[in-house]
Amino acid sequence: MKHVGENVVRIEAEALRALADRLAGPMAADFNRALDLLFDCRGRVVVTGMGKSGLIARKIAATLSSTGSPALYLHPVEALHGDLGMIVRGDVVLALSASGETEEILQLLATIKRLQVPLISMTCDDLAESLAGGGARSTLASTLASSADVALDCSISQEACSLGLAPTASTTTMLALGDALAVALSEKRGFKEEDFANLHPGGKLGKRLARVESLMHSGDAVPRVTAQTKMPDVIYEMSRKKLGMTAVVEGDRLLGVISDGDLRRLLGQRGKDALDLAAEDCMTRNPKTIGAQEFAATALARMEEMKITSLVVVDGDQRLLGIVHLHDLWGTEMV
């Protein structure tokens, strides 16, 4: 019994190695054809399968959607009872069946053909060699594979189940092939890290790649004073807005900033006489700024590099848009 787990993993690993060899060799052209069909799809990728293949189909649909290719899972039984309307012209159907003879999926073929929707199959039926016209010809034995526009071969030498019955190695190869399609398709589309983040706003990556504009304080929440504002009123504005600093502006144009640190240094140098000064006498000119479309991760890196706790957000004309504070980045799980 102690080697059962190891044997299962080795059998499934061997199935994946064989799949990789097929992708590098005899199945390369079919894989690329399937990729082209998915890339040219103007609708959605409708992924279907029954039983364990259906569970894998759900995961493939989810992976496609999260990597930039709109997809949905269609339960074949529900499809036969009204959900066939989910398939429309412009879609591509990706059907999974280990045997290639799943009755519920075969009953969808008439509708798929009527709508002229391209069909890609993933089956585990073996390639049968036959002779025709004096030469060797390979045909896929199952009904589903032979009906597909592109048939992808997930065949295995054995299941990892000791009885040879439970879908194990077969579902592993289907899952891996689905991942291969999804990743290759995302690269073909030029899918980028920020695109992934936009589809995963609740995930850690999505938070790291959130835009500054979604985190910054803006409008009335931004502390601001004019160059002529006296220091008592500057201190009041800083205390009221609670960001530990204030922007000094002329209209909307940024002139400088005054921080808590600036105040402490000023009081240490001038004492109570500092209260007679105006903002322009105390501000730091040419303060550190960032654009609204920059990533939160960029803002954090800049704050760490400059050892500051806030950045003024400006546009290309140095107009004040907002302020992003270190505290605002805590919720992104970056600090």
Protein backbone atom coordinates (compact mmCIF):
# COMPACT_ATOMS: atom_id res chain seq x y z
CA MET A 1 0.00 0.00 0.00
CA LYS A 2 2.86 2.39 0.72
CA HIS A 3 3.69 2.65 -3.00
CA VAL A 4 0.14 3.22 -4.24
CA GLY A 5 0.30 7.01 -4.01
CA GLU A 6 3.68 7.09 -5.72
CA ASN A 7 2.44 4.83 -8.51
CA VAL A 8 -0.61 6.99 -9.13
CA VAL A 9 1.54 10.09 -9.54
CA ARG A 10 4.02 8.26 -11.78
CA ILE A 11 1.24 6.92 -14.03
CA GLU A 12 -0.29 10.38 -14.36
CA ALA A 13 3.12 11.93 -14.94
CA GLU A 14 3.77 9.42 -17.72
CA ALA A 15 0.41 10.27 -19.28
CA LEU A 16 1.39 13.95 -19.27
CA ARG A 17 4.79 13.17 -20.78
CA ALA A 18 3.11 11.24 -23.59
CA LEU A 19 0.69 14.15 -24.13
CA ALA A 20 3.60 16.61 -24.33
CA ASP A 21 5.29 14.35 -26.91
CA ARG A 22 2.12 14.33 -29.02
CA LEU A 23 1.87 18.12 -28.80
CA ALA A 24 5.47 18.39 -29.96
CA GLY A 25 4.88 15.90 -32.77
CA PRO A 26 1.82 14.33 -34.38
CA MET A 27 -0.78 16.53 -32.66
CA ALA A 28 1.00 19.87 -33.18
CA ALA A 29 -0.95 20.78 -36.31
CA ASP A 30 -4.31 19.90 -34.72
CA PHE A 31 -3.43 21.89 -31.59
CA ASN A 32 -2.59 24.94 -33.71
CA ARG A 33 -5.81 24.56 -35.69
CA ALA A 34 -7.78 24.46 -32.43
CA LEU A 35 -5.89 27.53 -31.25
CA ASP A 36 -6.78 29.39 -34.45
CA LEU A 37 -10.47 28.50 -34.07
CA LEU A 38 -10.48 29.80 -30.50
CA PHE A 39 -8.55 32.94 -31.44
CA ASP A 40 -10.99 33.74 -34.26
CA CYS A 41 -14.02 33.12 -32.03
CA ARG A 42 -16.22 36.23 -31.97
CA GLY A 43 -18.58 34.81 -29.38
CA ARG A 44 -17.79 32.60 -26.41
CA VAL A 45 -16.07 29.29 -25.94
CA VAL A 46 -18.79 26.87 -24.80
CA VAL A 47 -17.14 24.03 -22.87
CA THR A 48 -19.17 20.90 -22.20
CA GLY A 49 -18.69 17.48 -20.64
CA MET A 50 -20.44 14.93 -18.43
CA GLY A 51 -19.38 13.46 -15.12
CA LYS A 52 -15.70 13.81 -14.28
CA SER A 53 -15.07 15.25 -17.75
CA GLY A 54 -17.72 17.84 -16.91
CA LEU A 55 -15.80 18.90 -13.80
CA ILE A 56 -12.67 19.34 -15.91
CA ALA A 57 -14.73 21.26 -18.48
CA ARG A 58 -15.85 23.70 -15.78
CA LYS A 59 -12.26 24.36 -14.80
CA ILE A 60 -11.16 24.86 -18.41
CA ALA A 61 -14.00 27.34 -18.96
CA ALA A 62 -12.96 29.23 -15.83
CA THR A 63 -9.31 29.30 -16.92
CA LEU A 64 -10.21 30.56 -20.39
CA SER A 65 -12.37 33.34 -18.93
CA SER A 66 -9.69 34.44 -16.47
CA THR A 67 -7.05 34.65 -19.20
CA GLY A 68 -8.99 36.85 -21.58
CA SER A 69 -11.18 34.43 -23.58
CA PRO A 70 -14.90 34.64 -22.65
CA ALA A 71 -16.10 31.11 -21.90
CA LEU A 72 -18.91 29.28 -20.16
CA TYR A 73 -19.67 25.74 -19.07
CA LEU A 74 -22.74 24.09 -20.57
CA HIS A 75 -24.11 21.01 -18.83
CA PRO A 76 -25.13 18.65 -21.65
CA VAL A 77 -28.23 17.38 -19.85
CA GLU A 78 -29.43 20.90 -19.06
CA ALA A 79 -28.71 21.77 -22.69
CA LEU A 80 -31.16 19.07 -23.79
CA HIS A 81 -33.81 20.60 -21.54
CA GLY A 82 -33.70 24.20 -22.68
CA ASP A 83 -30.14 25.49 -22.30
CA LEU A 84 -29.18 24.86 -25.91
CA GLY A 85 -30.00 28.51 -26.48
CA MET A 86 -26.68 29.27 -24.81
CA ILE A 87 -24.96 28.20 -28.04
CA VAL A 88 -25.21 30.79 -30.82
CA ARG A 89 -23.49 31.47 -34.11
CA GLY A 90 -20.04 32.86 -33.53
CA ASP A 91 -19.33 30.56 -30.57
CA VAL A 92 -16.88 27.67 -30.51
CA VAL A 93 -17.77 24.44 -28.68
CA LEU A 94 -15.10 22.51 -26.80
CA ALA A 95 -16.49 19.07 -25.91
CA LEU A 96 -14.82 16.66 -23.47
CA SER A 97 -15.59 12.95 -23.36
CA ALA A 98 -13.17 10.19 -22.40
CA SER A 99 -14.92 7.62 -24.57
CA GLY A 100 -16.10 10.02 -27.23
CA GLU A 101 -19.46 8.25 -27.06
CA THR A 102 -21.18 10.14 -24.23
CA GLU A 103 -24.83 10.03 -25.29
CA GLU A 104 -25.81 13.42 -23.87
CA ILE A 105 -23.01 15.16 -25.77
CA LEU A 106 -23.69 13.31 -29.02
CA GLN A 107 -27.27 14.59 -28.87
CA LEU A 108 -25.88 18.14 -29.08
CA LEU A 109 -24.12 17.49 -32.38
CA ALA A 110 -27.17 18.18 -34.56
CA THR A 111 -27.64 21.65 -33.07
CA ILE A 112 -23.90 22.40 -33.24
CA LYS A 113 -23.84 21.46 -36.93
CA ARG A 114 -27.06 23.34 -37.69
CA LEU A 115 -25.63 26.54 -36.19
CA GLN A 116 -22.36 25.95 -38.02
CA VAL A 117 -20.49 26.35 -34.77
CA PRO A 118 -16.92 24.96 -34.87
CA LEU A 119 -16.44 21.91 -32.66
CA ILE A 120 -13.22 20.95 -30.90
CA SER A 121 -13.20 17.59 -29.15
CA MET A 122 -11.01 16.19 -26.40
CA THR A 123 -11.30 12.42 -26.21
CA CYS A 124 -9.23 9.55 -24.90
CA ASP A 125 -10.13 7.01 -27.57
CA ASP A 126 -7.06 5.48 -29.17
CA LEU A 127 -5.91 6.18 -32.69
CA ALA A 128 -6.90 3.24 -34.85
CA GLU A 129 -4.57 2.42 -37.70
CA SER A 130 -6.18 1.31 -40.93
CA LEU A 131 -4.98 0.88 -44.48
CA ALA A 132 -6.55 2.70 -47.36
CA GLY A 133 -5.25 2.96 -50.89
CA GLY A 134 -2.09 1.13 -49.96
CA GLY A 135 -1.03 3.70 -47.34
CA ALA A 136 -1.41 4.06 -43.59
CA ARG A 137 -4.26 6.30 -42.40
CA SER A 138 -5.03 7.27 -38.81
CA THR A 139 -8.66 7.79 -37.85
CA LEU A 140 -10.13 8.63 -34.50
CA ALA A 141 -12.54 5.88 -33.57
CA SER A 142 -15.16 7.69 -31.51
CA THR A 143 -18.27 9.41 -32.84
CA LEU A 144 -17.46 12.70 -31.12
CA ALA A 145 -13.89 12.87 -32.43
CA SER A 146 -14.87 11.98 -35.98
CA SER A 147 -17.61 14.68 -35.90
CA ALA A 148 -15.30 17.43 -34.67
CA ASP A 149 -13.64 20.09 -36.79
CA VAL A 150 -10.52 19.49 -34.70
CA ALA A 151 -10.02 16.34 -32.62
CA LEU A 152 -7.47 16.49 -29.82
CA ASP A 153 -6.12 13.21 -28.52
CA CYS A 154 -5.97 12.77 -24.72
CA SER A 155 -5.47 9.00 -24.89
CA ILE A 156 -3.56 7.27 -22.11
CA SER A 157 -1.94 3.87 -21.70
CA GLN A 158 -3.73 3.25 -18.38
CA GLU A 159 -5.75 4.92 -15.67
CA ALA A 160 -4.01 5.44 -12.33
CA CYS A 161 -6.92 3.72 -10.56
CA SER A 162 -5.87 0.20 -9.53
CA LEU A 163 -9.13 -1.11 -11.03
CA GLY A 164 -8.51 0.80 -14.23
CA LEU A 165 -11.99 2.31 -13.97
CA ALA A 166 -12.00 5.67 -12.16
CA PRO A 167 -11.05 8.62 -14.39
CA THR A 168 -7.64 9.67 -13.11
CA ALA A 169 -4.87 9.88 -15.69
CA SER A 170 -7.47 10.64 -18.38
CA THR A 171 -8.88 13.68 -16.56
CA THR A 172 -5.35 14.83 -15.74
CA THR A 173 -4.43 14.90 -19.43
CA MET A 174 -7.68 16.71 -20.31
CA LEU A 175 -7.00 19.34 -17.66
CA ALA A 176 -3.41 19.83 -18.81
CA LEU A 177 -4.47 20.10 -22.45
CA GLY A 178 -7.13 22.65 -21.51
CA ASP A 179 -4.49 24.67 -19.64
CA ALA A 180 -2.20 24.44 -22.69
CA LEU A 181 -4.94 25.84 -24.92
CA ALA A 182 -5.82 28.63 -22.49
CA VAL A 183 -2.23 29.77 -21.93
CA ALA A 184 -1.28 29.56 -25.62
CA LEU A 185 -4.44 31.49 -26.50
CA SER A 186 -3.74 34.21 -23.93
CA GLU A 187 -0.24 34.68 -25.32
CA LYS A 188 -1.60 34.78 -28.87
CA ARG A 189 -4.00 37.53 -27.76
CA GLY A 190 -1.19 39.49 -26.12
CA PHE A 191 -2.83 39.11 -22.71
CA LYS A 192 -0.78 41.05 -20.13
CA GLU A 193 -0.32 41.06 -16.38
CA GLU A 194 -2.51 44.12 -15.98
CA ASP A 195 -5.26 42.45 -18.05
CA PHE A 196 -5.17 39.53 -15.64
CA ALA A 197 -5.35 41.94 -12.73
CA ASN A 198 -8.42 43.66 -14.21
CA LEU A 199 -10.19 40.29 -14.25
CA HIS A 200 -9.06 39.48 -10.70
CA PRO A 201 -9.66 42.68 -8.71
CA GLY A 202 -10.14 40.70 -5.50
CA GLY A 203 -6.93 38.70 -5.87
CA LYS A 204 -3.54 39.70 -4.54
CA LEU A 205 -2.16 40.43 -8.00
CA GLY A 206 -5.21 42.51 -8.82
CA LYS A 207 -4.66 44.57 -5.70
CA ARG A 208 -0.96 45.03 -6.43
CA LEU A 209 -1.79 46.22 -9.93
CA ALA A 210 -4.65 48.47 -8.88
CA ARG A 211 -4.33 51.94 -10.38
CA VAL A 212 -3.43 54.87 -8.17
CA GLU A 213 -6.64 56.63 -9.19
CA SER A 214 -8.67 53.86 -7.52
CA LEU A 215 -6.85 54.36 -4.20
CA MET A 216 -6.14 58.08 -3.98
CA HIS A 217 -7.98 60.69 -1.96
CA SER A 218 -9.64 63.17 -4.27
CA GLY A 219 -12.05 66.10 -4.29
CA ASP A 220 -12.79 67.64 -0.91
CA ALA A 221 -10.74 64.94 0.85
CA VAL A 222 -7.51 66.46 -0.53
CA PRO A 223 -5.84 68.99 1.80
CA ARG A 224 -4.93 72.09 -0.16
CA VAL A 225 -3.97 75.68 0.57
CA THR A 226 -2.85 78.65 -1.51
CA ALA A 227 0.65 80.07 -1.45
CA GLN A 228 -0.56 83.03 0.64
CA THR A 229 -2.33 80.94 3.32
CA LYS A 230 -0.97 81.71 6.78
CA MET A 231 0.56 78.85 8.77
CA PRO A 232 -2.21 78.61 11.42
CA ASP A 233 -4.68 77.94 8.62
CA VAL A 234 -2.22 75.52 6.97
CA ILE A 235 -1.98 73.55 10.22
CA TYR A 236 -5.77 73.55 10.55
CA GLU A 237 -6.18 72.19 7.00
CA MET A 238 -3.62 69.46 7.63
CA SER A 239 -5.29 68.46 10.90
CA ARG A 240 -8.76 68.49 9.36
CA LYS A 241 -7.88 66.25 6.38
CA LYS A 242 -5.64 63.91 8.44
CA LEU A 243 -3.14 62.96 5.74
CA GLY A 244 -0.09 64.42 7.45
CA MET A 245 0.49 66.94 4.67
CA THR A 246 -1.14 69.47 2.42
CA ALA A 247 -0.70 70.51 -1.18
CA VAL A 248 0.04 74.13 -1.99
CA VAL A 249 -1.72 75.17 -5.17
CA GLU A 250 -2.40 78.05 -7.48
CA GLY A 251 -5.81 77.26 -8.89
CA ASP A 252 -5.43 73.56 -9.67
CA ARG A 253 -1.71 73.72 -10.41
CA LEU A 254 0.60 72.17 -7.82
CA LEU A 255 3.25 74.52 -6.41
CA GLY A 256 4.56 72.45 -3.53
CA VAL A 257 3.70 70.50 -0.38
CA ILE A 258 4.01 70.97 3.37
CA SER A 259 4.34 67.84 5.49
CA ASP A 260 4.26 67.15 9.23
CA GLY A 261 8.04 66.82 9.05
CA ASP A 262 8.33 70.24 7.44
CA LEU A 263 6.28 71.71 10.29
CA ARG A 264 8.42 70.10 12.98
CA ARG A 265 11.62 71.34 11.40
CA LEU A 266 10.17 74.83 10.92
CA LEU A 267 9.03 75.11 14.55
CA GLY A 268 12.39 73.85 15.73
CA GLN A 269 14.15 76.54 13.73
CA ARG A 270 11.77 79.52 14.08
CA GLY A 271 9.69 78.74 17.13
CA LYS A 272 6.38 80.61 17.40
CA ASP A 273 7.55 83.06 14.74
CA ALA A 274 6.85 80.33 12.21
CA LEU A 275 3.15 81.04 12.62
CA ASP A 276 3.62 84.43 10.98
CA LEU A 277 4.83 82.85 7.73
CA ALA A 278 2.78 81.95 4.65
CA ALA A 279 2.62 78.55 2.96
CA GLU A 280 4.93 79.61 0.13
CA ASP A 281 7.65 80.39 2.71
CA CYS A 282 7.55 76.87 4.15
CA MET A 283 6.61 74.53 1.33
CA THR A 284 8.82 72.00 -0.41
CA ARG A 285 8.93 72.95 -4.06
CA ASN A 286 8.99 70.29 -6.82
CA PRO A 287 7.50 67.59 -4.55
CA LYS A 288 7.42 63.89 -5.43
CA THR A 289 4.42 63.08 -7.60
CA ILE A 290 2.84 60.18 -9.44
CA GLY A 291 0.33 59.78 -12.26
CA ALA A 292 -3.21 58.54 -11.70
CA GLN A 293 -2.73 55.63 -14.12
CA GLU A 294 0.39 54.30 -12.39
CA PHE A 295 0.14 51.02 -10.46
CA ALA A 296 -0.23 50.88 -6.69
CA ALA A 297 2.94 48.77 -6.60
CA THR A 298 4.81 51.61 -8.33
CA ALA A 299 3.52 54.11 -5.76
CA LEU A 300 4.66 51.87 -2.91
CA ALA A 301 8.11 51.38 -4.43
CA ARG A 302 8.50 55.14 -4.86
CA MET A 303 7.46 55.82 -1.26
CA GLU A 304 9.91 53.22 0.04
CA GLU A 305 12.73 54.54 -2.11
CA MET A 306 12.19 58.14 -1.03
CA LYS A 307 11.24 57.29 2.56
CA ILE A 308 7.99 59.25 2.40
CA THR A 309 4.42 58.35 3.35
CA SER A 310 2.43 60.07 0.61
CA LEU A 311 2.57 61.08 -3.04
CA VAL A 312 0.74 63.87 -4.79
CA VAL A 313 -1.18 62.65 -7.84
CA VAL A 314 -1.00 65.01 -10.81
CA ASP A 315 -1.74 65.01 -14.52
CA GLY A 316 0.67 65.92 -17.30
CA ASP A 317 0.18 69.64 -16.69
CA GLN A 318 0.96 69.34 -12.95
CA ARG A 319 -2.68 69.84 -12.03
CA LEU A 320 -3.56 68.38 -8.64
CA LEU A 321 -5.76 65.27 -8.90
CA GLY A 322 -5.38 63.69 -5.49
CA ILE A 323 -3.09 62.25 -2.84
CA VAL A 324 -2.21 58.60 -2.26
CA HIS A 325 -1.04 57.74 1.25
CA LEU A 326 0.85 54.73 2.54
CA HIS A 327 -2.21 53.85 4.64
CA ASP A 328 -4.23 53.52 1.43
CA LEU A 329 -1.92 50.71 0.30
CA TRP A 330 -2.40 48.60 3.41
CA GLY A 331 -5.60 47.12 2.02
CA THR A 332 -3.72 45.93 -1.06
CA GLU A 333 -1.74 43.43 1.07
CA MET A 334 1.49 44.97 -0.20
CA VAL A 335 2.54 46.36 3.17
